[in-house]
Amino acid sequence: MKKNFILALLVILVAVASCSFTNKSFENDDKDKLLLELITYVLERGHYEPKDLNDSFSSNVFDDFIDIMDPTKRYFLESDVKEFEKYRFMIDDEIKNTDITFFNVVYQRLMVRMEEAKVIYKEVLSEPFDYTANETINIDYADQEFASNKKELKERWRKQLKYNTLTVFQDKIENRISDAA
């Protein structure tokens, strides 16, 4: 449902931008702010089911945006998300004021965490996996919490990379069996 809403929003934005069926003039030269003005206009007036820009809307956008930015919960730490929480009920106000602070803060932190992840997975891949260890991995990411520290995050990366390796190996075995048959 959430992804459908985002997809519908994007389709509407493209339609508005390409068809120019609105007579509202957007005065701002800043592309990010212009986009926010356009989103606000579409949500409040042009959407088939106009949305109220309120705290409930903000909370939903907050959850959806964090989920889109880190769906596998392998970048952000729990402390990052707690820091972002101060924006949970401010996003509607930011949109109305063409302020993109929340989105910039989250994006910049993601860029930092992605650089850190490069170091983590290089460390993990520098040593062979122990395939004799009896381990489990939860791949239902929606059911997981964010890692509470970098050690836990590194362990999550290790298990995910090991799981991916086993999955590729299993696929190769299955392809050989089907090719031989």
C-alpha atoms as a PDB file:
ATOM      1  CA  MET A   1       0.000   0.000   0.000  1.00  0.00           C
ATOM      2  CA  LYS A   2       2.757   2.441   0.976  1.00  0.00           C
ATOM      3  CA  LYS A   3       4.765   1.665  -2.144  1.00  0.00           C
ATOM      4  CA  ASN A   4       1.627   2.090  -4.269  1.00  0.00           C
ATOM      5  CA  PHE A   5       1.092   5.521  -2.735  1.00  0.00           C
ATOM      6  CA  ILE A   6       4.669   6.539  -3.514  1.00  0.00           C
ATOM      7  CA  LEU A   7       4.373   5.220  -7.069  1.00  0.00           C
ATOM      8  CA  ALA A   8       1.075   7.052  -7.539  1.00  0.00           C
ATOM      9  CA  LEU A   9       2.645  10.228  -6.187  1.00  0.00           C
ATOM     10  CA  LEU A  10       5.540   9.954  -8.625  1.00  0.00           C
ATOM     11  CA  VAL A  11       3.221   9.315 -11.573  1.00  0.00           C
ATOM     12  CA  ILE A  12       1.134  12.322 -10.638  1.00  0.00           C
ATOM     13  CA  LEU A  13       4.223  14.484 -10.269  1.00  0.00           C
ATOM     14  CA  VAL A  14       5.425  13.493 -13.727  1.00  0.00           C
ATOM     15  CA  ALA A  15       1.977  14.143 -15.163  1.00  0.00           C
ATOM     16  CA  VAL A  16       1.815  17.556 -13.548  1.00  0.00           C
ATOM     17  CA  ALA A  17       5.313  18.470 -14.674  1.00  0.00           C
ATOM     18  CA  SER A  18       4.965  17.205 -18.234  1.00  0.00           C
ATOM     19  CA  CYS A  19       1.390  18.180 -19.016  1.00  0.00           C
ATOM     20  CA  SER A  20       1.398  21.508 -17.201  1.00  0.00           C
ATOM     21  CA  PHE A  21      -2.320  21.333 -16.564  1.00  0.00           C
ATOM     22  CA  THR A  22      -2.010  23.690 -13.630  1.00  0.00           C
ATOM     23  CA  ASN A  23      -2.000  27.441 -13.824  1.00  0.00           C
ATOM     24  CA  LYS A  24      -0.105  27.854 -10.539  1.00  0.00           C
ATOM     25  CA  SER A  25       3.177  29.633 -11.109  1.00  0.00           C
ATOM     26  CA  PHE A  26       6.163  28.370  -9.199  1.00  0.00           C
ATOM     27  CA  GLU A  27       8.460  31.291  -8.558  1.00  0.00           C
ATOM     28  CA  ASN A  28      11.372  29.598  -6.794  1.00  0.00           C
ATOM     29  CA  ASP A  29      14.625  28.986  -8.694  1.00  0.00           C
ATOM     30  CA  ASP A  30      15.909  26.299  -6.312  1.00  0.00           C
ATOM     31  CA  LYS A  31      15.008  22.927  -7.868  1.00  0.00           C
ATOM     32  CA  ASP A  32      14.516  21.166  -4.529  1.00  0.00           C
ATOM     33  CA  LYS A  33      12.213  23.871  -3.262  1.00  0.00           C
ATOM     34  CA  LEU A  34      10.365  23.955  -6.565  1.00  0.00           C
ATOM     35  CA  LEU A  35       9.824  20.222  -6.314  1.00  0.00           C
ATOM     36  CA  LEU A  36       8.436  20.621  -2.785  1.00  0.00           C
ATOM     37  CA  GLU A  37       6.087  23.360  -3.973  1.00  0.00           C
ATOM     38  CA  LEU A  38       4.904  21.062  -6.746  1.00  0.00           C
ATOM     39  CA  ILE A  39       4.448  18.119  -4.368  1.00  0.00           C
ATOM     40  CA  THR A  40       2.515  20.312  -1.945  1.00  0.00           C
ATOM     41  CA  TYR A  41       0.278  21.593  -4.705  1.00  0.00           C
ATOM     42  CA  VAL A  42      -0.403  18.098  -6.058  1.00  0.00           C
ATOM     43  CA  LEU A  43      -1.076  16.619  -2.624  1.00  0.00           C
ATOM     44  CA  GLU A  44      -3.411  19.389  -1.531  1.00  0.00           C
ATOM     45  CA  ARG A  45      -5.214  20.146  -4.791  1.00  0.00           C
ATOM     46  CA  GLY A  46      -4.266  17.934  -7.710  1.00  0.00           C
ATOM     47  CA  HIS A  47      -4.317  14.482  -6.142  1.00  0.00           C
ATOM     48  CA  TYR A  48      -7.372  12.321  -6.821  1.00  0.00           C
ATOM     49  CA  GLU A  49      -7.671  11.995  -3.052  1.00  0.00           C
ATOM     50  CA  PRO A  50      -6.181  15.217  -1.615  1.00  0.00           C
ATOM     51  CA  LYS A  51      -3.959  14.678   1.404  1.00  0.00           C
ATOM     52  CA  ASP A  52      -3.923  16.847   4.473  1.00  0.00           C
ATOM     53  CA  LEU A  53      -0.387  17.912   5.260  1.00  0.00           C
ATOM     54  CA  ASN A  54      -0.484  17.273   8.991  1.00  0.00           C
ATOM     55  CA  ASP A  55       1.396  15.324  11.673  1.00  0.00           C
ATOM     56  CA  SER A  56      -0.135  12.021  10.592  1.00  0.00           C
ATOM     57  CA  PHE A  57       1.052  12.636   7.037  1.00  0.00           C
ATOM     58  CA  SER A  58       4.505  13.562   8.407  1.00  0.00           C
ATOM     59  CA  SER A  59       4.761  10.384  10.432  1.00  0.00           C
ATOM     60  CA  ASN A  60       3.846   8.231   7.430  1.00  0.00           C
ATOM     61  CA  VAL A  61       6.348  10.031   5.197  1.00  0.00           C
ATOM     62  CA  PHE A  62       9.001   9.630   7.893  1.00  0.00           C
ATOM     63  CA  ASP A  63       8.490   5.858   8.141  1.00  0.00           C
ATOM     64  CA  ASP A  64       8.294   5.389   4.380  1.00  0.00           C
ATOM     65  CA  PHE A  65      11.376   7.509   3.695  1.00  0.00           C
ATOM     66  CA  ILE A  66      13.539   5.712   6.264  1.00  0.00           C
ATOM     67  CA  ASP A  67      12.331   2.384   4.861  1.00  0.00           C
ATOM     68  CA  ILE A  68      13.136   3.442   1.299  1.00  0.00           C
ATOM     69  CA  MET A  69      16.585   4.721   2.262  1.00  0.00           C
ATOM     70  CA  ASP A  70      17.571   1.581   4.233  1.00  0.00           C
ATOM     71  CA  PRO A  71      15.114  -1.248   3.579  1.00  0.00           C
ATOM     72  CA  THR A  72      17.524  -3.994   4.689  1.00  0.00           C
ATOM     73  CA  LYS A  73      18.565  -2.106   7.839  1.00  0.00           C
ATOM     74  CA  ARG A  74      22.260  -2.518   7.082  1.00  0.00           C
ATOM     75  CA  TYR A  75      23.275   1.127   7.015  1.00  0.00           C
ATOM     76  CA  PHE A  76      21.533   3.197   9.674  1.00  0.00           C
ATOM     77  CA  LEU A  77      22.098   2.532  13.327  1.00  0.00           C
ATOM     78  CA  GLU A  78      19.370   2.736  15.933  1.00  0.00           C
ATOM     79  CA  SER A  79      20.987   5.977  17.141  1.00  0.00           C
ATOM     80  CA  ASP A  80      20.655   7.480  13.648  1.00  0.00           C
ATOM     81  CA  VAL A  81      16.951   6.754  13.515  1.00  0.00           C
ATOM     82  CA  LYS A  82      16.491   8.151  17.030  1.00  0.00           C
ATOM     83  CA  GLU A  83      18.252  11.322  15.894  1.00  0.00           C
ATOM     84  CA  PHE A  84      15.947  11.537  12.858  1.00  0.00           C
ATOM     85  CA  GLU A  85      12.899  11.144  15.137  1.00  0.00           C
ATOM     86  CA  LYS A  86      12.933  14.861  15.955  1.00  0.00           C
ATOM     87  CA  TYR A  87      11.673  15.418  12.387  1.00  0.00           C
ATOM     88  CA  ARG A  88       8.832  12.860  12.556  1.00  0.00           C
ATOM     89  CA  PHE A  89       6.080  15.457  13.028  1.00  0.00           C
ATOM     90  CA  MET A  90       7.838  18.353  11.305  1.00  0.00           C
ATOM     91  CA  ILE A  91       7.916  17.086   7.717  1.00  0.00           C
ATOM     92  CA  ASP A  92       4.532  18.596   6.847  1.00  0.00           C
ATOM     93  CA  ASP A  93       5.752  21.974   8.087  1.00  0.00           C
ATOM     94  CA  GLU A  94       9.019  21.591   6.191  1.00  0.00           C
ATOM     95  CA  ILE A  95       7.150  20.785   2.986  1.00  0.00           C
ATOM     96  CA  LYS A  96       4.855  23.769   3.436  1.00  0.00           C
ATOM     97  CA  ASN A  97       7.897  26.000   4.020  1.00  0.00           C
ATOM     98  CA  THR A  98       9.861  24.396   1.168  1.00  0.00           C
ATOM     99  CA  ASP A  99      12.469  23.246   3.660  1.00  0.00           C
ATOM    100  CA  ILE A 100      14.278  19.988   2.933  1.00  0.00           C
ATOM    101  CA  THR A 101      16.334  19.707   6.104  1.00  0.00           C
ATOM    102  CA  PHE A 102      14.990  16.280   7.091  1.00  0.00           C
ATOM    103  CA  PHE A 103      15.639  14.778   3.683  1.00  0.00           C
ATOM    104  CA  ASN A 104      19.139  16.267   3.549  1.00  0.00           C
ATOM    105  CA  VAL A 105      20.044  15.066   7.049  1.00  0.00           C
ATOM    106  CA  VAL A 106      18.932  11.503   6.288  1.00  0.00           C
ATOM    107  CA  TYR A 107      20.611  11.448   2.885  1.00  0.00           C
ATOM    108  CA  GLN A 108      23.910  12.821   4.215  1.00  0.00           C
ATOM    109  CA  ARG A 109      23.945  10.257   7.023  1.00  0.00           C
ATOM    110  CA  LEU A 110      23.237   7.502   4.519  1.00  0.00           C
ATOM    111  CA  MET A 111      26.243   8.592   2.455  1.00  0.00           C
ATOM    112  CA  VAL A 112      28.450   8.387   5.562  1.00  0.00           C
ATOM    113  CA  ARG A 113      27.060   4.973   6.508  1.00  0.00           C
ATOM    114  CA  MET A 114      27.553   3.660   2.957  1.00  0.00           C
ATOM    115  CA  GLU A 115      31.230   4.599   3.112  1.00  0.00           C
ATOM    116  CA  GLU A 116      31.489   2.819   6.454  1.00  0.00           C
ATOM    117  CA  ALA A 117      29.757  -0.218   4.953  1.00  0.00           C
ATOM    118  CA  LYS A 118      32.453  -0.468   2.280  1.00  0.00           C
ATOM    119  CA  VAL A 119      35.021  -0.857   5.048  1.00  0.00           C
ATOM    120  CA  ILE A 120      32.831  -3.389   6.875  1.00  0.00           C
ATOM    121  CA  TYR A 121      32.240  -5.685   3.926  1.00  0.00           C
ATOM    122  CA  LYS A 122      35.905  -5.583   2.908  1.00  0.00           C
ATOM    123  CA  GLU A 123      36.815  -6.677   6.441  1.00  0.00           C
ATOM    124  CA  VAL A 124      34.172  -9.402   6.395  1.00  0.00           C
ATOM    125  CA  LEU A 125      35.251 -10.688   2.999  1.00  0.00           C
ATOM    126  CA  SER A 126      38.947 -10.667   3.957  1.00  0.00           C
ATOM    127  CA  GLU A 127      38.391 -13.857   5.982  1.00  0.00           C
ATOM    128  CA  PRO A 128      36.753 -17.101   4.812  1.00  0.00           C
ATOM    129  CA  PHE A 129      33.263 -17.916   6.037  1.00  0.00           C
ATOM    130  CA  ASP A 130      32.877 -20.793   8.490  1.00  0.00           C
ATOM    131  CA  TYR A 131      30.267 -22.960   6.819  1.00  0.00           C
ATOM    132  CA  THR A 132      30.342 -25.475   9.658  1.00  0.00           C
ATOM    133  CA  ALA A 133      28.859 -22.973  12.118  1.00  0.00           C
ATOM    134  CA  ASN A 134      25.155 -23.421  12.776  1.00  0.00           C
ATOM    135  CA  GLU A 135      23.772 -19.898  12.287  1.00  0.00           C
ATOM    136  CA  THR A 136      20.506 -18.239  11.458  1.00  0.00           C
ATOM    137  CA  ILE A 137      19.680 -15.049   9.613  1.00  0.00           C
ATOM    138  CA  ASN A 138      16.446 -13.107   9.601  1.00  0.00           C
ATOM    139  CA  ILE A 139      15.764 -11.914   6.061  1.00  0.00           C
ATOM    140  CA  ASP A 140      12.404 -10.415   6.985  1.00  0.00           C
ATOM    141  CA  TYR A 141      13.863  -6.936   7.219  1.00  0.00           C
ATOM    142  CA  ALA A 142      10.565  -5.312   8.157  1.00  0.00           C
ATOM    143  CA  ASP A 143      10.601  -7.481  11.281  1.00  0.00           C
ATOM    144  CA  GLN A 144      14.104  -6.358  12.302  1.00  0.00           C
ATOM    145  CA  GLU A 145      15.200  -3.441  14.402  1.00  0.00           C
ATOM    146  CA  PHE A 146      18.118  -1.255  13.375  1.00  0.00           C
ATOM    147  CA  ALA A 147      21.494  -2.370  14.708  1.00  0.00           C
ATOM    148  CA  SER A 148      22.259  -0.831  18.087  1.00  0.00           C
ATOM    149  CA  ASN A 149      26.003  -0.469  17.415  1.00  0.00           C
ATOM    150  CA  LYS A 150      28.661  -0.935  14.742  1.00  0.00           C
ATOM    151  CA  LYS A 151      29.657  -4.387  16.023  1.00  0.00           C
ATOM    152  CA  GLU A 152      26.092  -5.618  15.606  1.00  0.00           C
ATOM    153  CA  LEU A 153      25.934  -3.977  12.179  1.00  0.00           C
ATOM    154  CA  LYS A 154      29.142  -5.734  11.095  1.00  0.00           C
ATOM    155  CA  GLU A 155      27.695  -9.080  12.240  1.00  0.00           C
ATOM    156  CA  ARG A 156      24.559  -8.378  10.215  1.00  0.00           C
ATOM    157  CA  TRP A 157      26.708  -7.701   7.148  1.00  0.00           C
ATOM    158  CA  ARG A 158      28.724 -10.891   7.758  1.00  0.00           C
ATOM    159  CA  LYS A 159      25.623 -13.054   7.955  1.00  0.00           C
ATOM    160  CA  GLN A 160      24.070 -11.389   4.910  1.00  0.00           C
ATOM    161  CA  LEU A 161      27.207 -11.864   2.803  1.00  0.00           C
ATOM    162  CA  LYS A 162      27.524 -15.486   3.938  1.00  0.00           C
ATOM    163  CA  TYR A 163      23.856 -16.049   3.112  1.00  0.00           C
ATOM    164  CA  ASN A 164      24.314 -14.476  -0.339  1.00  0.00           C
ATOM    165  CA  THR A 165      27.320 -16.723  -0.983  1.00  0.00           C
ATOM    166  CA  LEU A 166      25.344 -19.824  -0.033  1.00  0.00           C
ATOM    167  CA  THR A 167      22.428 -18.728  -2.215  1.00  0.00           C
ATOM    168  CA  VAL A 168      24.682 -18.270  -5.254  1.00  0.00           C
ATOM    169  CA  PHE A 169      26.290 -21.660  -4.593  1.00  0.00           C
ATOM    170  CA  GLN A 170      22.890 -23.343  -4.276  1.00  0.00           C
ATOM    171  CA  ASP A 171      21.728 -21.757  -7.554  1.00  0.00           C
ATOM    172  CA  LYS A 172      24.836 -23.038  -9.350  1.00  0.00           C
ATOM    173  CA  ILE A 173      24.263 -26.559  -8.002  1.00  0.00           C
ATOM    174  CA  GLU A 174      20.608 -26.490  -9.060  1.00  0.00           C
ATOM    175  CA  ASN A 175      21.572 -25.247 -12.540  1.00  0.00           C
ATOM    176  CA  ARG A 176      24.082 -28.106 -12.932  1.00  0.00           C
ATOM    177  CA  ILE A 177      21.477 -30.652 -11.884  1.00  0.00           C
ATOM    178  CA  SER A 178      18.882 -29.243 -14.289  1.00  0.00           C
ATOM    179  CA  ASP A 179      21.453 -29.055 -17.110  1.00  0.00           C
ATOM    180  CA  ALA A 180      22.452 -32.700 -16.519  1.00  0.00           C
ATOM    181  CA  ALA A 181      18.847 -33.916 -16.603  1.00  0.00           C
END
